[in-house]
N, C-alpha and C. Protein backbone atom coordinates (compact mmCIF):
# COMPACT_ATOMS: atom_id res chain seq x y z
N MET A 1 -72.77 -19.43 -26.49
CA MET A 1 -72.06 -20.35 -27.32
C MET A 1 -70.79 -20.90 -26.50
N LYS A 2 -70.18 -19.98 -25.68
CA LYS A 2 -69.01 -20.37 -25.06
C LYS A 2 -69.36 -21.47 -23.95
N ARG A 3 -70.54 -21.19 -23.32
CA ARG A 3 -70.98 -22.17 -22.32
C ARG A 3 -71.21 -23.60 -22.86
N ILE A 4 -71.66 -23.65 -24.19
CA ILE A 4 -72.00 -24.96 -24.70
C ILE A 4 -70.67 -25.67 -25.01
N GLY A 5 -69.69 -24.92 -25.51
CA GLY A 5 -68.35 -25.44 -25.78
C GLY A 5 -67.75 -25.96 -24.48
N TYR A 6 -67.76 -25.13 -23.45
CA TYR A 6 -67.29 -25.45 -22.10
C TYR A 6 -67.90 -26.80 -21.56
N LEU A 7 -69.25 -26.82 -21.70
CA LEU A 7 -69.90 -28.05 -21.21
C LEU A 7 -69.56 -29.30 -22.01
N ALA A 8 -69.52 -29.06 -23.25
CA ALA A 8 -69.15 -30.22 -24.21
C ALA A 8 -67.74 -30.70 -23.73
N GLY A 9 -66.84 -29.71 -23.43
CA GLY A 9 -65.39 -30.16 -23.01
C GLY A 9 -65.47 -31.02 -21.82
N VAL A 10 -66.13 -30.41 -20.78
CA VAL A 10 -66.22 -31.14 -19.56
C VAL A 10 -66.83 -32.39 -19.66
N ALA A 11 -67.84 -32.55 -20.45
CA ALA A 11 -68.56 -33.91 -20.57
C ALA A 11 -67.58 -34.85 -21.33
N MET A 12 -66.70 -34.41 -22.33
CA MET A 12 -65.78 -35.27 -22.89
C MET A 12 -64.73 -35.77 -21.99
N VAL A 13 -64.18 -35.00 -21.23
CA VAL A 13 -63.17 -35.35 -20.17
C VAL A 13 -63.77 -36.32 -19.19
N ALA A 14 -65.04 -36.09 -18.69
CA ALA A 14 -65.57 -37.01 -17.80
C ALA A 14 -65.76 -38.34 -18.42
N LEU A 15 -66.24 -38.42 -19.75
CA LEU A 15 -66.46 -39.63 -20.47
C LEU A 15 -65.21 -40.47 -20.77
N LEU A 16 -64.16 -39.66 -21.17
CA LEU A 16 -62.85 -40.30 -21.30
C LEU A 16 -62.23 -40.83 -19.97
N SER A 17 -62.51 -40.18 -18.87
CA SER A 17 -61.96 -40.65 -17.59
C SER A 17 -62.67 -41.89 -17.28
N MET A 18 -63.87 -41.97 -17.40
CA MET A 18 -64.74 -43.22 -17.01
C MET A 18 -64.28 -44.31 -18.03
N ALA A 19 -64.01 -44.02 -19.26
CA ALA A 19 -63.70 -45.06 -20.21
C ALA A 19 -62.29 -45.69 -19.88
N SER A 20 -61.34 -44.78 -19.55
CA SER A 20 -60.10 -45.22 -19.17
C SER A 20 -60.13 -46.03 -17.89
N TYR A 21 -60.80 -45.67 -17.01
CA TYR A 21 -60.99 -46.46 -15.67
C TYR A 21 -61.57 -47.86 -15.95
N THR A 22 -62.56 -47.92 -16.83
CA THR A 22 -63.22 -49.16 -17.15
C THR A 22 -62.34 -50.05 -17.94
N VAL A 23 -61.64 -49.59 -18.86
CA VAL A 23 -60.67 -50.42 -19.57
C VAL A 23 -59.56 -50.87 -18.74
N THR A 24 -58.97 -50.06 -17.96
CA THR A 24 -57.92 -50.42 -16.90
C THR A 24 -58.36 -51.62 -16.08
N LYS A 25 -59.62 -51.46 -15.53
CA LYS A 25 -60.17 -52.56 -14.62
C LYS A 25 -60.32 -53.87 -15.40
N ALA A 26 -60.75 -53.72 -16.69
CA ALA A 26 -61.19 -54.97 -17.51
C ALA A 26 -59.91 -55.66 -17.79
N PHE A 27 -58.77 -55.01 -18.08
CA PHE A 27 -57.63 -55.71 -18.58
C PHE A 27 -56.61 -55.91 -17.45
N ALA A 28 -56.78 -55.40 -16.34
CA ALA A 28 -55.83 -55.50 -15.31
C ALA A 28 -55.73 -56.88 -14.62
N GLY A 29 -56.66 -57.68 -14.92
CA GLY A 29 -56.68 -59.10 -14.39
C GLY A 29 -57.32 -59.10 -12.99
N ALA A 30 -58.12 -58.02 -12.66
CA ALA A 30 -58.81 -58.19 -11.45
C ALA A 30 -59.80 -59.27 -11.29
N ASP A 31 -60.65 -59.36 -10.42
CA ASP A 31 -61.41 -60.46 -10.17
C ASP A 31 -62.55 -60.61 -11.21
N CYS A 32 -62.25 -60.34 -12.48
CA CYS A 32 -63.30 -60.32 -13.42
C CYS A 32 -63.92 -61.71 -13.71
N CYS A 33 -63.07 -62.71 -13.59
CA CYS A 33 -63.56 -64.09 -13.87
C CYS A 33 -63.80 -64.94 -12.58
N GLY A 34 -63.59 -64.24 -11.38
CA GLY A 34 -63.85 -64.92 -10.17
C GLY A 34 -62.67 -65.62 -9.65
N ALA A 35 -61.57 -65.62 -10.37
CA ALA A 35 -60.36 -66.30 -9.86
C ALA A 35 -59.67 -65.42 -8.82
N LYS A 36 -59.15 -65.97 -7.72
CA LYS A 36 -58.56 -65.20 -6.80
C LYS A 36 -57.10 -64.76 -7.19
N GLN A 37 -56.68 -63.67 -6.77
CA GLN A 37 -55.32 -63.09 -7.08
C GLN A 37 -54.34 -64.02 -6.26
N ALA A 38 -53.14 -64.24 -6.85
CA ALA A 38 -52.18 -65.06 -6.09
C ALA A 38 -51.46 -64.14 -5.00
N SER A 39 -51.37 -64.73 -3.85
CA SER A 39 -50.67 -64.01 -2.84
C SER A 39 -49.24 -63.78 -3.10
N ALA A 40 -48.50 -63.00 -2.32
CA ALA A 40 -47.14 -62.82 -2.45
C ALA A 40 -46.36 -64.17 -2.26
N ALA A 41 -46.84 -64.92 -1.23
CA ALA A 41 -46.15 -66.24 -0.99
C ALA A 41 -46.27 -67.18 -2.10
N GLU A 42 -47.55 -67.18 -2.78
CA GLU A 42 -47.83 -68.09 -4.02
C GLU A 42 -46.92 -67.60 -5.18
N LYS A 43 -46.80 -66.34 -5.32
CA LYS A 43 -45.94 -65.86 -6.45
C LYS A 43 -44.47 -66.20 -6.24
N ALA A 44 -43.98 -66.12 -5.01
CA ALA A 44 -42.62 -66.42 -4.72
C ALA A 44 -42.42 -67.91 -4.91
N GLU A 45 -43.37 -68.74 -4.64
CA GLU A 45 -43.11 -70.12 -4.93
C GLU A 45 -43.23 -70.58 -6.41
N THR A 46 -43.63 -69.69 -7.19
CA THR A 46 -43.63 -70.00 -8.68
C THR A 46 -42.43 -69.56 -9.38
N LYS A 47 -41.38 -69.33 -8.75
CA LYS A 47 -40.09 -69.02 -9.29
C LYS A 47 -39.13 -70.09 -8.97
N CYS A 48 -38.32 -70.48 -9.94
CA CYS A 48 -37.30 -71.56 -9.71
C CYS A 48 -36.34 -70.94 -8.89
N VAL A 49 -35.93 -71.61 -7.69
CA VAL A 49 -34.89 -70.96 -6.76
C VAL A 49 -33.51 -71.14 -7.31
N ALA A 50 -33.24 -72.02 -8.32
CA ALA A 50 -32.00 -72.12 -8.87
C ALA A 50 -31.55 -71.11 -9.88
N CYS A 51 -32.57 -70.75 -10.78
CA CYS A 51 -32.30 -69.86 -11.91
C CYS A 51 -33.06 -68.66 -11.82
N GLY A 52 -34.20 -68.60 -11.15
CA GLY A 52 -35.09 -67.42 -11.00
C GLY A 52 -36.12 -67.39 -12.04
N LYS A 53 -36.21 -68.35 -12.98
CA LYS A 53 -37.26 -68.45 -14.11
C LYS A 53 -38.55 -68.67 -13.54
N ALA A 54 -39.59 -68.07 -14.06
CA ALA A 54 -40.89 -68.25 -13.65
C ALA A 54 -41.40 -69.68 -14.01
N ILE A 55 -42.14 -70.38 -13.03
CA ILE A 55 -42.65 -71.67 -13.33
C ILE A 55 -44.14 -71.35 -13.59
N SER A 56 -44.60 -71.69 -14.80
CA SER A 56 -45.91 -71.39 -15.19
C SER A 56 -46.89 -72.48 -14.75
N ASN A 57 -46.50 -73.75 -14.61
CA ASN A 57 -47.31 -74.76 -14.26
C ASN A 57 -46.65 -75.57 -13.13
N LYS A 58 -47.19 -75.56 -11.91
CA LYS A 58 -46.56 -76.20 -10.78
C LYS A 58 -46.74 -77.74 -10.88
N ASP A 59 -47.64 -78.29 -11.62
CA ASP A 59 -47.76 -79.75 -11.87
C ASP A 59 -46.63 -80.22 -12.57
N LYS A 60 -46.10 -79.52 -13.55
CA LYS A 60 -44.95 -79.95 -14.42
C LYS A 60 -43.60 -79.50 -13.81
N ALA A 61 -43.56 -78.78 -12.70
CA ALA A 61 -42.36 -78.47 -12.06
C ALA A 61 -41.66 -79.70 -11.39
N VAL A 62 -40.47 -79.60 -11.26
CA VAL A 62 -39.62 -80.58 -10.55
C VAL A 62 -39.71 -80.26 -9.00
N LYS A 63 -40.11 -81.19 -8.23
CA LYS A 63 -40.39 -80.91 -6.77
C LYS A 63 -39.15 -81.66 -6.09
N VAL A 64 -38.52 -80.86 -5.09
CA VAL A 64 -37.46 -81.40 -4.20
C VAL A 64 -37.83 -81.00 -2.88
N GLU A 65 -37.62 -81.99 -1.92
CA GLU A 65 -37.83 -81.77 -0.44
C GLU A 65 -36.54 -81.19 0.04
N HIS A 66 -36.68 -80.13 0.83
CA HIS A 66 -35.54 -79.61 1.51
C HIS A 66 -36.00 -78.96 2.89
N GLU A 67 -35.37 -79.44 3.91
CA GLU A 67 -35.75 -79.06 5.29
C GLU A 67 -37.27 -79.12 5.53
N GLY A 68 -37.88 -80.19 5.16
CA GLY A 68 -39.31 -80.38 5.37
C GLY A 68 -40.27 -79.47 4.45
N LYS A 69 -39.67 -78.80 3.52
CA LYS A 69 -40.52 -77.95 2.56
C LYS A 69 -40.29 -78.44 1.22
N THR A 70 -41.40 -78.22 0.35
CA THR A 70 -41.27 -78.68 -1.05
C THR A 70 -40.79 -77.51 -1.79
N VAL A 71 -39.70 -77.63 -2.54
CA VAL A 71 -39.13 -76.55 -3.45
C VAL A 71 -39.42 -76.88 -4.80
N TYR A 72 -40.03 -75.94 -5.59
CA TYR A 72 -40.34 -76.18 -7.00
C TYR A 72 -39.24 -75.66 -7.90
N LEU A 73 -38.79 -76.47 -8.90
CA LEU A 73 -37.77 -76.00 -9.77
C LEU A 73 -38.23 -76.26 -11.21
N CYS A 74 -37.66 -75.52 -12.16
CA CYS A 74 -38.20 -75.46 -13.52
C CYS A 74 -37.75 -76.75 -14.34
N CYS A 75 -36.61 -77.29 -13.95
CA CYS A 75 -36.17 -78.43 -14.84
C CYS A 75 -35.26 -79.34 -14.07
N GLU A 76 -34.89 -80.44 -14.61
CA GLU A 76 -34.07 -81.36 -13.91
C GLU A 76 -32.60 -80.87 -13.79
N GLY A 77 -32.12 -79.94 -14.63
CA GLY A 77 -30.82 -79.37 -14.55
C GLY A 77 -30.78 -78.49 -13.28
N CYS A 78 -31.85 -77.68 -13.05
CA CYS A 78 -31.88 -76.83 -11.84
C CYS A 78 -31.99 -77.69 -10.54
N ALA A 79 -32.72 -78.88 -10.67
CA ALA A 79 -32.92 -79.75 -9.59
C ALA A 79 -31.48 -80.35 -9.20
N GLU A 80 -30.64 -80.66 -10.24
CA GLU A 80 -29.33 -81.15 -9.82
C GLU A 80 -28.43 -80.04 -9.17
N LYS A 81 -28.58 -78.81 -9.70
CA LYS A 81 -27.85 -77.78 -9.18
C LYS A 81 -28.27 -77.42 -7.77
N PHE A 82 -29.63 -77.58 -7.53
CA PHE A 82 -30.09 -77.31 -6.13
C PHE A 82 -29.61 -78.52 -5.12
N LYS A 83 -29.60 -79.67 -5.64
CA LYS A 83 -29.30 -80.74 -4.71
C LYS A 83 -27.73 -80.86 -4.42
N LYS A 84 -27.00 -80.24 -5.31
CA LYS A 84 -25.55 -80.06 -5.08
C LYS A 84 -25.24 -78.97 -4.06
N ASN A 85 -25.96 -77.86 -4.04
CA ASN A 85 -25.72 -76.70 -3.25
C ASN A 85 -27.01 -75.94 -2.91
N PRO A 86 -27.85 -76.60 -2.04
CA PRO A 86 -29.13 -75.87 -1.74
C PRO A 86 -28.95 -74.59 -1.06
N GLY A 87 -28.00 -74.45 -0.23
CA GLY A 87 -27.72 -73.20 0.55
C GLY A 87 -27.59 -71.93 -0.40
N GLU A 88 -26.77 -72.14 -1.46
CA GLU A 88 -26.52 -71.05 -2.42
C GLU A 88 -27.80 -70.74 -3.14
N CYS A 89 -28.54 -71.62 -3.50
CA CYS A 89 -29.83 -71.41 -4.32
C CYS A 89 -30.90 -70.72 -3.46
N MET A 90 -30.89 -71.09 -2.15
CA MET A 90 -31.73 -70.49 -1.27
C MET A 90 -31.42 -68.98 -0.94
N ARG A 91 -30.09 -68.86 -0.86
CA ARG A 91 -29.55 -67.49 -0.54
C ARG A 91 -29.87 -66.59 -1.78
N ASP A 92 -29.68 -67.11 -2.97
CA ASP A 92 -29.97 -66.43 -4.16
C ASP A 92 -31.41 -66.02 -4.24
N LYS A 93 -32.25 -66.96 -3.80
CA LYS A 93 -33.70 -66.61 -3.85
C LYS A 93 -34.13 -65.48 -2.93
N GLU A 94 -33.49 -65.36 -1.75
CA GLU A 94 -33.70 -64.30 -0.82
C GLU A 94 -33.25 -63.00 -1.49
N GLN A 95 -32.18 -62.99 -2.25
CA GLN A 95 -31.75 -61.70 -2.88
C GLN A 95 -32.63 -61.40 -4.06
N LYS A 96 -33.34 -62.19 -4.75
CA LYS A 96 -34.03 -61.93 -5.94
C LYS A 96 -35.44 -61.30 -5.66
């Protein structure tokens, strides 16, 4: 009897471990739908350099050219702040 209880316990632990792993993979946003993961550079580009707010849609972001690069900002207010003092915003970006 003790062996049956032991085997049942081991089987339950194994099943729970597999279920936990499967659920974690399913909801972790891994390559489940074939979409590639964003690289660190892409993630860095999706933050407003003026305020640090995440930019969810690059198409709707305000784009400003600075030193030959396109800088994405979340709104016109941040664009004005960036145009007045781009050095401060870029320095803040490096600290964030």
